[in-house]
Amino acid sequence: VGTLVRCKGEAKLFGFYAEFLEDQFVPEGGIFTGILDFLDQLLYHPYTEDGIFCTRFVEGEKRNLINALESAINDKRSYAARRLIHHMCEGEDYSIPRLGTVEDVEKITPAALWEHYQHVLRNCSMEIFYGGRLSPREAAAAFAPIFAHRKEAVWETSHTCLIPVAPQVREISE
């Protein structure tokens, strides 16, 4: 089981993935059910303290993320591409890196992160990609209880900001 963060246009996407053996290849079976239970726990019952994300965990993950962001300069080709997008799309959502910025990460608090997480669970669309031996109907039935927790969502839409022509040619050197 792991996590991913990526961009699709101006939308920032995050998710979870799991790779495991099909139940028929394991004498005891039950792996798929266990993964579904784990996904339910992961999404709807994460570890909290005082009703919000654990401060110790949030601060540790912030430090890890800041270290990753600061070390990005060591991959010059990727760094240059990110900086190009930052300058070329300045003022647009597309200019924000997929993992954010050090300044934004430093502002994160456990309470604010918890509130944002709850907002995402309530309002953002979720997609399931399943590759295995179950039929689409069986897979949908297996995943349905996980999403029964969700109330009717208020869907957000994002609008792409199109800027047809740059006001002036800029040259930037670092």
N, C-alpha and C. Protein backbone atom coordinates (compact mmCIF):
# COMPACT_ATOMS: atom_id res chain seq x y z
N VAL A 1 0.86 -1.17 0.00
CA VAL A 1 0.00 0.00 0.00
C VAL A 1 0.90 1.22 0.00
N GLY A 2 0.55 2.18 -0.82
CA GLY A 2 1.34 3.40 -0.88
C GLY A 2 0.47 4.58 -1.26
N THR A 3 1.10 5.74 -1.34
CA THR A 3 0.40 6.97 -1.69
C THR A 3 0.99 7.57 -2.95
N LEU A 4 0.22 8.44 -3.58
CA LEU A 4 0.73 9.16 -4.75
C LEU A 4 0.14 10.55 -4.77
N VAL A 5 0.89 11.46 -5.36
CA VAL A 5 0.45 12.83 -5.56
C VAL A 5 0.88 13.21 -6.96
N ARG A 6 -0.06 13.72 -7.75
CA ARG A 6 0.29 14.13 -9.10
C ARG A 6 -0.62 15.26 -9.54
N CYS A 7 -0.29 15.86 -10.65
CA CYS A 7 -1.09 16.92 -11.23
C CYS A 7 -1.69 16.43 -12.54
N LYS A 8 -2.91 16.87 -12.79
CA LYS A 8 -3.54 16.65 -14.08
C LYS A 8 -4.09 18.01 -14.47
N GLY A 9 -3.34 18.70 -15.32
CA GLY A 9 -3.69 20.08 -15.60
C GLY A 9 -3.50 20.89 -14.33
N GLU A 10 -4.51 21.67 -13.98
CA GLU A 10 -4.42 22.49 -12.77
C GLU A 10 -4.91 21.75 -11.53
N ALA A 11 -5.45 20.55 -11.71
CA ALA A 11 -5.97 19.78 -10.57
C ALA A 11 -4.84 19.01 -9.90
N LYS A 12 -4.83 19.07 -8.60
CA LYS A 12 -3.88 18.29 -7.81
C LYS A 12 -4.60 17.02 -7.36
N LEU A 13 -4.01 15.88 -7.62
CA LEU A 13 -4.63 14.60 -7.31
C LEU A 13 -3.77 13.85 -6.30
N PHE A 14 -4.41 13.20 -5.37
CA PHE A 14 -3.68 12.33 -4.46
C PHE A 14 -4.46 11.04 -4.33
N GLY A 15 -3.76 10.02 -3.93
CA GLY A 15 -4.46 8.75 -3.82
C GLY A 15 -3.64 7.70 -3.13
N PHE A 16 -4.23 6.53 -3.09
CA PHE A 16 -3.62 5.36 -2.49
C PHE A 16 -3.62 4.24 -3.52
N TYR A 17 -2.69 3.36 -3.42
CA TYR A 17 -2.68 2.19 -4.28
C TYR A 17 -2.27 0.98 -3.44
N ALA A 18 -2.68 -0.18 -3.90
CA ALA A 18 -2.35 -1.42 -3.19
C ALA A 18 -2.10 -2.50 -4.21
N GLU A 19 -1.07 -3.26 -3.99
CA GLU A 19 -0.79 -4.43 -4.81
C GLU A 19 -0.80 -5.63 -3.89
N PHE A 20 -1.52 -6.68 -4.31
CA PHE A 20 -1.63 -7.86 -3.45
C PHE A 20 -2.03 -9.05 -4.30
N LEU A 21 -1.82 -10.23 -3.72
CA LEU A 21 -2.20 -11.47 -4.40
C LEU A 21 -3.71 -11.62 -4.42
N GLU A 22 -4.21 -12.22 -5.50
CA GLU A 22 -5.63 -12.58 -5.54
C GLU A 22 -5.87 -13.65 -4.48
N ASP A 23 -7.05 -13.62 -3.88
CA ASP A 23 -7.40 -14.56 -2.82
C ASP A 23 -7.23 -16.01 -3.25
N GLN A 24 -7.50 -16.31 -4.50
CA GLN A 24 -7.42 -17.71 -4.96
C GLN A 24 -6.01 -18.27 -4.94
N PHE A 25 -5.00 -17.40 -4.84
CA PHE A 25 -3.62 -17.86 -4.83
C PHE A 25 -3.04 -17.99 -3.42
N VAL A 26 -3.86 -17.74 -2.41
CA VAL A 26 -3.43 -17.81 -1.02
C VAL A 26 -4.33 -18.82 -0.31
N PRO A 27 -3.76 -19.81 0.36
CA PRO A 27 -4.58 -20.86 0.99
C PRO A 27 -5.68 -20.32 1.91
N GLU A 28 -5.37 -19.31 2.70
CA GLU A 28 -6.36 -18.78 3.64
C GLU A 28 -7.32 -17.81 2.98
N GLY A 29 -6.94 -17.21 1.85
CA GLY A 29 -7.78 -16.20 1.20
C GLY A 29 -7.95 -14.98 2.08
N GLY A 30 -8.94 -14.17 1.77
CA GLY A 30 -9.27 -13.02 2.60
C GLY A 30 -8.38 -11.80 2.45
N ILE A 31 -7.43 -11.84 1.54
CA ILE A 31 -6.55 -10.69 1.38
C ILE A 31 -7.34 -9.48 0.87
N PHE A 32 -8.18 -9.70 -0.14
CA PHE A 32 -8.95 -8.59 -0.72
C PHE A 32 -9.83 -7.94 0.34
N THR A 33 -10.50 -8.74 1.14
CA THR A 33 -11.34 -8.20 2.22
C THR A 33 -10.49 -7.41 3.20
N GLY A 34 -9.31 -7.93 3.53
CA GLY A 34 -8.41 -7.22 4.43
C GLY A 34 -7.96 -5.88 3.86
N ILE A 35 -7.68 -5.85 2.56
CA ILE A 35 -7.27 -4.59 1.91
C ILE A 35 -8.43 -3.60 1.94
N LEU A 36 -9.64 -4.07 1.68
CA LEU A 36 -10.81 -3.18 1.73
C LEU A 36 -11.01 -2.63 3.13
N ASP A 37 -10.86 -3.46 4.14
CA ASP A 37 -10.98 -3.00 5.53
C ASP A 37 -9.90 -1.97 5.85
N PHE A 38 -8.67 -2.23 5.38
CA PHE A 38 -7.57 -1.30 5.61
C PHE A 38 -7.84 0.04 4.93
N LEU A 39 -8.36 0.01 3.70
CA LEU A 39 -8.68 1.24 2.98
C LEU A 39 -9.74 2.03 3.74
N ASP A 40 -10.75 1.36 4.26
CA ASP A 40 -11.79 2.02 5.04
C ASP A 40 -11.18 2.69 6.28
N GLN A 41 -10.31 1.97 6.98
CA GLN A 41 -9.64 2.54 8.16
C GLN A 41 -8.77 3.73 7.78
N LEU A 42 -8.04 3.58 6.70
CA LEU A 42 -7.13 4.63 6.24
C LEU A 42 -7.89 5.91 5.90
N LEU A 43 -8.98 5.77 5.19
CA LEU A 43 -9.75 6.95 4.77
C LEU A 43 -10.55 7.57 5.90
N TYR A 44 -11.27 6.75 6.65
CA TYR A 44 -12.27 7.28 7.57
C TYR A 44 -11.92 7.20 9.05
N HIS A 45 -10.86 6.50 9.38
CA HIS A 45 -10.51 6.35 10.78
C HIS A 45 -8.99 6.47 10.99
N PRO A 46 -8.38 7.54 10.49
CA PRO A 46 -6.93 7.67 10.70
C PRO A 46 -6.63 7.94 12.17
N TYR A 47 -5.39 7.77 12.53
CA TYR A 47 -4.97 8.01 13.91
C TYR A 47 -5.10 9.51 14.21
N THR A 48 -5.77 9.82 15.29
CA THR A 48 -5.94 11.21 15.71
C THR A 48 -5.65 11.35 17.19
N GLU A 49 -5.43 12.57 17.60
CA GLU A 49 -5.30 12.93 19.01
C GLU A 49 -6.13 14.18 19.22
N ASP A 50 -7.01 14.15 20.17
CA ASP A 50 -7.90 15.28 20.47
C ASP A 50 -8.74 15.68 19.25
N GLY A 51 -9.13 14.70 18.44
CA GLY A 51 -10.03 14.96 17.32
C GLY A 51 -9.39 15.52 16.07
N ILE A 52 -8.06 15.60 16.02
CA ILE A 52 -7.35 16.08 14.83
C ILE A 52 -6.14 15.18 14.60
N PHE A 53 -5.47 15.40 13.47
CA PHE A 53 -4.27 14.61 13.21
C PHE A 53 -3.24 14.82 14.30
N CYS A 54 -2.50 13.78 14.61
CA CYS A 54 -1.47 13.79 15.64
C CYS A 54 -0.39 14.83 15.31
N THR A 55 -0.16 15.75 16.22
CA THR A 55 0.81 16.83 16.00
C THR A 55 2.20 16.27 15.69
N ARG A 56 2.62 15.27 16.43
CA ARG A 56 3.95 14.68 16.22
C ARG A 56 4.10 14.14 14.80
N PHE A 57 3.07 13.45 14.31
CA PHE A 57 3.11 12.89 12.97
C PHE A 57 3.11 13.99 11.91
N VAL A 58 2.26 14.99 12.09
CA VAL A 58 2.17 16.09 11.12
C VAL A 58 3.50 16.82 11.03
N GLU A 59 4.09 17.13 12.17
CA GLU A 59 5.37 17.85 12.17
C GLU A 59 6.46 17.00 11.52
N GLY A 60 6.48 15.71 11.77
CA GLY A 60 7.47 14.83 11.15
C GLY A 60 7.30 14.77 9.64
N GLU A 61 6.05 14.67 9.19
CA GLU A 61 5.80 14.61 7.74
C GLU A 61 6.07 15.96 7.07
N LYS A 62 5.81 17.05 7.78
CA LYS A 62 6.16 18.36 7.24
C LYS A 62 7.67 18.45 7.02
N ARG A 63 8.44 17.99 7.99
CA ARG A 63 9.90 18.02 7.88
C ARG A 63 10.35 17.17 6.69
N ASN A 64 9.78 15.97 6.53
CA ASN A 64 10.12 15.11 5.40
C ASN A 64 9.80 15.79 4.07
N LEU A 65 8.64 16.43 4.00
CA LEU A 65 8.24 17.10 2.76
C LEU A 65 9.13 18.30 2.46
N ILE A 66 9.44 19.07 3.47
CA ILE A 66 10.34 20.22 3.28
C ILE A 66 11.70 19.74 2.80
N ASN A 67 12.22 18.66 3.39
CA ASN A 67 13.51 18.12 2.94
C ASN A 67 13.44 17.70 1.47
N ALA A 68 12.33 17.06 1.07
CA ALA A 68 12.18 16.64 -0.32
C ALA A 68 12.10 17.84 -1.25
N LEU A 69 11.37 18.86 -0.85
CA LEU A 69 11.25 20.06 -1.67
C LEU A 69 12.59 20.78 -1.81
N GLU A 70 13.33 20.88 -0.71
CA GLU A 70 14.62 21.57 -0.75
C GLU A 70 15.67 20.78 -1.52
N SER A 71 15.56 19.46 -1.53
CA SER A 71 16.55 18.66 -2.25
C SER A 71 16.26 18.59 -3.75
N ALA A 72 15.12 19.10 -4.18
CA ALA A 72 14.75 19.04 -5.61
C ALA A 72 15.75 19.77 -6.49
N ILE A 73 16.46 20.72 -5.95
CA ILE A 73 17.44 21.48 -6.74
C ILE A 73 18.58 20.59 -7.22
N ASN A 74 18.77 19.45 -6.57
CA ASN A 74 19.86 18.54 -6.96
C ASN A 74 19.60 17.80 -8.25
N ASP A 75 18.37 17.74 -8.71
CA ASP A 75 18.03 17.17 -10.01
C ASP A 75 17.81 18.35 -10.94
N LYS A 76 18.87 18.80 -11.58
CA LYS A 76 18.85 20.06 -12.33
C LYS A 76 17.81 20.08 -13.45
N ARG A 77 17.65 18.98 -14.17
CA ARG A 77 16.71 18.97 -15.29
C ARG A 77 15.27 19.13 -14.78
N SER A 78 14.90 18.37 -13.75
CA SER A 78 13.55 18.49 -13.19
C SER A 78 13.35 19.85 -12.54
N TYR A 79 14.37 20.32 -11.86
CA TYR A 79 14.30 21.63 -11.22
C TYR A 79 14.07 22.71 -12.26
N ALA A 80 14.81 22.67 -13.36
CA ALA A 80 14.66 23.67 -14.42
C ALA A 80 13.26 23.63 -15.02
N ALA A 81 12.72 22.44 -15.23
CA ALA A 81 11.37 22.31 -15.78
C ALA A 81 10.34 22.90 -14.82
N ARG A 82 10.50 22.63 -13.51
CA ARG A 82 9.57 23.18 -12.52
C ARG A 82 9.65 24.70 -12.47
N ARG A 83 10.86 25.21 -12.52
CA ARG A 83 11.04 26.67 -12.48
C ARG A 83 10.47 27.33 -13.73
N LEU A 84 10.62 26.68 -14.88
CA LEU A 84 10.04 27.19 -16.12
C LEU A 84 8.53 27.32 -15.97
N ILE A 85 7.88 26.28 -15.49
CA ILE A 85 6.43 26.30 -15.30
C ILE A 85 6.04 27.36 -14.28
N HIS A 86 6.82 27.47 -13.22
CA HIS A 86 6.53 28.47 -12.20
C HIS A 86 6.51 29.88 -12.80
N HIS A 87 7.52 30.20 -13.58
CA HIS A 87 7.61 31.54 -14.17
C HIS A 87 6.64 31.71 -15.33
N MET A 88 6.50 30.70 -16.15
CA MET A 88 5.65 30.79 -17.33
C MET A 88 4.17 30.92 -16.94
N CYS A 89 3.79 30.28 -15.84
CA CYS A 89 2.38 30.26 -15.43
C CYS A 89 2.16 31.02 -14.13
N GLU A 90 3.02 31.96 -13.86
CA GLU A 90 2.94 32.73 -12.62
C GLU A 90 1.54 33.30 -12.42
N GLY A 91 1.01 33.14 -11.20
CA GLY A 91 -0.32 33.63 -10.89
C GLY A 91 -1.43 32.65 -11.23
N GLU A 92 -1.10 31.53 -11.84
CA GLU A 92 -2.08 30.51 -12.19
C GLU A 92 -1.91 29.31 -11.25
N ASP A 93 -2.97 28.55 -11.06
CA ASP A 93 -2.88 27.35 -10.22
C ASP A 93 -1.86 26.36 -10.78
N TYR A 94 -1.70 26.35 -12.09
CA TYR A 94 -0.79 25.41 -12.72
C TYR A 94 0.66 25.63 -12.28
N SER A 95 0.98 26.82 -11.81
CA SER A 95 2.36 27.12 -11.42
C SER A 95 2.73 26.50 -10.07
N ILE A 96 1.74 26.04 -9.31
CA ILE A 96 2.01 25.47 -7.98
C ILE A 96 2.51 24.04 -8.15
N PRO A 97 3.69 23.72 -7.63
CA PRO A 97 4.22 22.36 -7.76
C PRO A 97 3.30 21.33 -7.10
N ARG A 98 3.37 20.10 -7.57
CA ARG A 98 2.46 19.06 -7.07
C ARG A 98 2.60 18.83 -5.58
N LEU A 99 3.77 19.05 -4.99
CA LEU A 99 3.96 18.88 -3.55
C LEU A 99 3.89 20.20 -2.80
N GLY A 100 3.57 21.29 -3.50
CA GLY A 100 3.47 22.59 -2.85
C GLY A 100 4.81 23.28 -2.74
N THR A 101 4.87 24.23 -1.84
CA THR A 101 6.10 24.99 -1.61
C THR A 101 6.49 24.89 -0.14
N VAL A 102 7.73 25.15 0.15
CA VAL A 102 8.22 25.12 1.53
C VAL A 102 7.40 26.10 2.38
N GLU A 103 7.14 27.28 1.84
CA GLU A 103 6.39 28.28 2.60
C GLU A 103 4.99 27.78 2.96
N ASP A 104 4.33 27.13 2.03
CA ASP A 104 2.99 26.60 2.30
C ASP A 104 3.03 25.45 3.30
N VAL A 105 4.02 24.59 3.18
CA VAL A 105 4.14 23.45 4.10
C VAL A 105 4.37 23.94 5.52
N GLU A 106 5.21 24.96 5.68
CA GLU A 106 5.49 25.48 7.01
C GLU A 106 4.24 26.01 7.71
N LYS A 107 3.23 26.46 6.96
CA LYS A 107 2.01 27.02 7.52
C LYS A 107 1.01 25.95 7.98
N ILE A 108 1.22 24.70 7.61
CA ILE A 108 0.26 23.64 7.93
C ILE A 108 0.22 23.38 9.42
N THR A 109 -1.00 23.30 9.95
CA THR A 109 -1.19 22.91 11.35
C THR A 109 -2.02 21.62 11.35
N PRO A 110 -1.92 20.83 12.41
CA PRO A 110 -2.74 19.62 12.48
C PRO A 110 -4.24 19.91 12.35
N ALA A 111 -4.71 20.97 12.98
CA ALA A 111 -6.13 21.31 12.92
C ALA A 111 -6.55 21.71 11.51
N ALA A 112 -5.75 22.55 10.87
CA ALA A 112 -6.08 22.99 9.51
C ALA A 112 -6.01 21.81 8.53
N LEU A 113 -5.04 20.94 8.72
CA LEU A 113 -4.91 19.77 7.85
C LEU A 113 -6.11 18.84 8.03
N TRP A 114 -6.55 18.63 9.28
CA TRP A 114 -7.71 17.80 9.55
C TRP A 114 -8.96 18.39 8.89
N GLU A 115 -9.13 19.69 9.03
CA GLU A 115 -10.29 20.37 8.43
C GLU A 115 -10.27 20.20 6.91
N HIS A 116 -9.11 20.38 6.31
CA HIS A 116 -8.99 20.22 4.86
C HIS A 116 -9.27 18.78 4.46
N TYR A 117 -8.77 17.83 5.22
CA TYR A 117 -8.99 16.42 4.93
C TYR A 117 -10.49 16.09 4.96
N GLN A 118 -11.19 16.61 5.96
CA GLN A 118 -12.63 16.38 6.06
C GLN A 118 -13.35 16.99 4.86
N HIS A 119 -12.91 18.17 4.45
CA HIS A 119 -13.49 18.82 3.27
C HIS A 119 -13.30 17.96 2.03
N VAL A 120 -12.10 17.42 1.87
CA VAL A 120 -11.81 16.56 0.71
C VAL A 120 -12.69 15.31 0.74
N LEU A 121 -12.81 14.68 1.89
CA LEU A 121 -13.65 13.48 2.00
C LEU A 121 -15.11 13.77 1.65
N ARG A 122 -15.59 14.93 2.06
CA ARG A 122 -17.00 15.27 1.82
C ARG A 122 -17.26 15.73 0.39
N ASN A 123 -16.33 16.47 -0.20
CA ASN A 123 -16.65 17.22 -1.42
C ASN A 123 -15.92 16.82 -2.68
N CYS A 124 -14.86 16.11 -2.57
CA CYS A 124 -14.07 15.82 -3.77
C CYS A 124 -14.43 14.46 -4.35
N SER A 125 -14.36 14.37 -5.65
CA SER A 125 -14.69 13.10 -6.29
C SER A 125 -13.62 12.08 -5.99
N MET A 126 -14.05 10.83 -5.95
CA MET A 126 -13.14 9.72 -5.71
C MET A 126 -13.30 8.73 -6.85
N GLU A 127 -12.20 8.19 -7.27
CA GLU A 127 -12.22 7.19 -8.35
C GLU A 127 -11.50 5.95 -7.87
N ILE A 128 -12.00 4.82 -8.29
CA ILE A 128 -11.39 3.53 -7.98
C ILE A 128 -10.94 2.91 -9.30
N PHE A 129 -9.71 2.47 -9.34
CA PHE A 129 -9.20 1.71 -10.47
C PHE A 129 -8.85 0.33 -9.92
N TYR A 130 -9.50 -0.67 -10.42
CA TYR A 130 -9.28 -2.02 -9.94
C TYR A 130 -8.82 -2.87 -11.11
N GLY A 131 -7.76 -3.60 -10.92
CA GLY A 131 -7.29 -4.55 -11.92
C GLY A 131 -7.17 -5.91 -11.26
N GLY A 132 -8.02 -6.81 -11.62
CA GLY A 132 -8.00 -8.14 -11.01
C GLY A 132 -9.02 -9.03 -11.66
N ARG A 133 -9.30 -10.14 -11.02
CA ARG A 133 -10.17 -11.16 -11.59
C ARG A 133 -11.66 -10.95 -11.33
N LEU A 134 -12.01 -10.02 -10.45
CA LEU A 134 -13.43 -9.77 -10.20
C LEU A 134 -14.07 -9.09 -11.41
N SER A 135 -15.33 -9.38 -11.64
CA SER A 135 -16.06 -8.69 -12.70
C SER A 135 -16.29 -7.24 -12.25
N PRO A 136 -16.57 -6.34 -13.16
CA PRO A 136 -16.86 -4.96 -12.75
C PRO A 136 -17.99 -4.87 -11.71
N ARG A 137 -19.01 -5.69 -11.87
CA ARG A 137 -20.13 -5.69 -10.93
C ARG A 137 -19.67 -6.15 -9.54
N GLU A 138 -18.87 -7.21 -9.50
CA GLU A 138 -18.37 -7.73 -8.21
C GLU A 138 -17.44 -6.72 -7.54
N ALA A 139 -16.57 -6.09 -8.33
CA ALA A 139 -15.65 -5.09 -7.77
C ALA A 139 -16.43 -3.91 -7.22
N ALA A 140 -17.43 -3.43 -7.96
CA ALA A 140 -18.24 -2.30 -7.49
C ALA A 140 -18.95 -2.66 -6.19
N ALA A 141 -19.48 -3.87 -6.10
CA ALA A 141 -20.16 -4.30 -4.87
C ALA A 141 -19.18 -4.39 -3.70
N ALA A 142 -17.96 -4.82 -3.97
CA ALA A 142 -16.95 -4.95 -2.91
C ALA A 142 -16.54 -3.58 -2.36
N PHE A 143 -16.42 -2.59 -3.24
CA PHE A 143 -15.99 -1.25 -2.82
C PHE A 143 -17.13 -0.41 -2.26
N ALA A 144 -18.38 -0.73 -2.59
CA ALA A 144 -19.53 0.09 -2.20
C ALA A 144 -19.59 0.41 -0.71
N PRO A 145 -19.35 -0.56 0.21
CA PRO A 145 -19.45 -0.22 1.63
C PRO A 145 -18.47 0.87 2.08
N ILE A 146 -17.33 0.96 1.42
CA ILE A 146 -16.35 1.98 1.80
C ILE A 146 -16.91 3.38 1.53
N PHE A 147 -17.66 3.51 0.46
CA PHE A 147 -18.16 4.83 0.08
C PHE A 147 -19.56 5.09 0.61
N ALA A 148 -20.12 4.14 1.35
CA ALA A 148 -21.41 4.36 1.99
C ALA A 148 -21.28 5.41 3.09
N HIS A 149 -20.05 5.66 3.60
CA HIS A 149 -19.80 6.66 4.63
C HIS A 149 -20.08 8.07 4.12
N ARG A 150 -19.95 8.24 2.81
CA ARG A 150 -20.04 9.59 2.23
C ARG A 150 -21.48 10.04 2.15
N LYS A 151 -21.69 11.26 2.55
CA LYS A 151 -22.99 11.89 2.35
C LYS A 151 -22.99 12.45 0.94
N GLU A 152 -24.13 12.96 0.54
CA GLU A 152 -24.17 13.55 -0.80
C GLU A 152 -23.17 14.69 -0.86
N ALA A 153 -22.35 14.66 -1.86
CA ALA A 153 -21.26 15.63 -1.95
C ALA A 153 -21.72 16.93 -2.61
N VAL A 154 -21.06 17.99 -2.25
CA VAL A 154 -21.21 19.26 -2.94
C VAL A 154 -20.00 19.32 -3.86
N TRP A 155 -20.20 19.16 -5.12
CA TRP A 155 -19.10 19.04 -6.06
C TRP A 155 -18.48 20.38 -6.36
N GLU A 156 -17.18 20.41 -6.32
CA GLU A 156 -16.44 21.61 -6.68
C GLU A 156 -16.03 21.51 -8.14
N THR A 157 -15.93 22.63 -8.76
CA THR A 157 -15.41 22.62 -10.13
C THR A 157 -14.22 23.55 -10.16
N SER A 158 -13.32 23.24 -11.03
CA SER A 158 -12.18 24.14 -11.21
C SER A 158 -12.22 24.63 -12.64
N HIS A 159 -11.76 25.79 -12.83
CA HIS A 159 -11.76 26.38 -14.16
C HIS A 159 -10.33 26.65 -14.58
N THR A 160 -10.02 26.25 -15.77
CA THR A 160 -8.70 26.50 -16.30
C THR A 160 -8.59 27.96 -16.70
N CYS A 161 -7.52 28.58 -16.29
CA CYS A 161 -7.27 29.98 -16.61
C CYS A 161 -6.43 30.03 -17.89
N LEU A 162 -7.03 30.51 -18.96
CA LEU A 162 -6.29 30.59 -20.22
C LEU A 162 -5.80 32.00 -20.44
N ILE A 163 -4.51 32.11 -20.67
CA ILE A 163 -3.91 33.41 -20.99
C ILE A 163 -3.34 33.27 -22.40
N PRO A 164 -4.02 33.89 -23.39
CA PRO A 164 -3.65 33.63 -24.79
C PRO A 164 -2.26 34.12 -25.18
N VAL A 165 -1.84 35.25 -24.68
CA VAL A 165 -0.54 35.79 -25.07
C VAL A 165 0.13 36.40 -23.85
N ALA A 166 1.39 36.11 -23.69
CA ALA A 166 2.14 36.72 -22.59
C ALA A 166 2.27 38.21 -22.86
N PRO A 167 2.15 39.03 -21.82
CA PRO A 167 2.25 40.48 -22.04
C PRO A 167 3.61 40.92 -22.56
N GLN A 168 4.65 40.19 -22.18
CA GLN A 168 5.99 40.53 -22.67
C GLN A 168 6.89 39.31 -22.55
N VAL A 169 7.90 39.29 -23.37
CA VAL A 169 8.87 38.19 -23.31
C VAL A 169 9.76 38.44 -22.11
N ARG A 170 9.99 37.40 -21.32
CA ARG A 170 10.86 37.55 -20.14
C ARG A 170 12.01 36.57 -20.27
N GLU A 171 13.14 36.99 -19.79
CA GLU A 171 14.30 36.08 -19.70
C GLU A 171 14.68 36.01 -18.23
N ILE A 172 14.76 34.79 -17.72
CA ILE A 172 15.06 34.57 -16.31
C ILE A 172 16.25 33.65 -16.20
N SER A 173 17.18 34.01 -15.38
CA SER A 173 18.37 33.19 -15.19
C SER A 173 18.57 32.98 -13.70
N GLU A 174 18.90 31.76 -13.32
CA GLU A 174 19.20 31.46 -11.91
C GLU A 174 20.61 30.92 -11.82
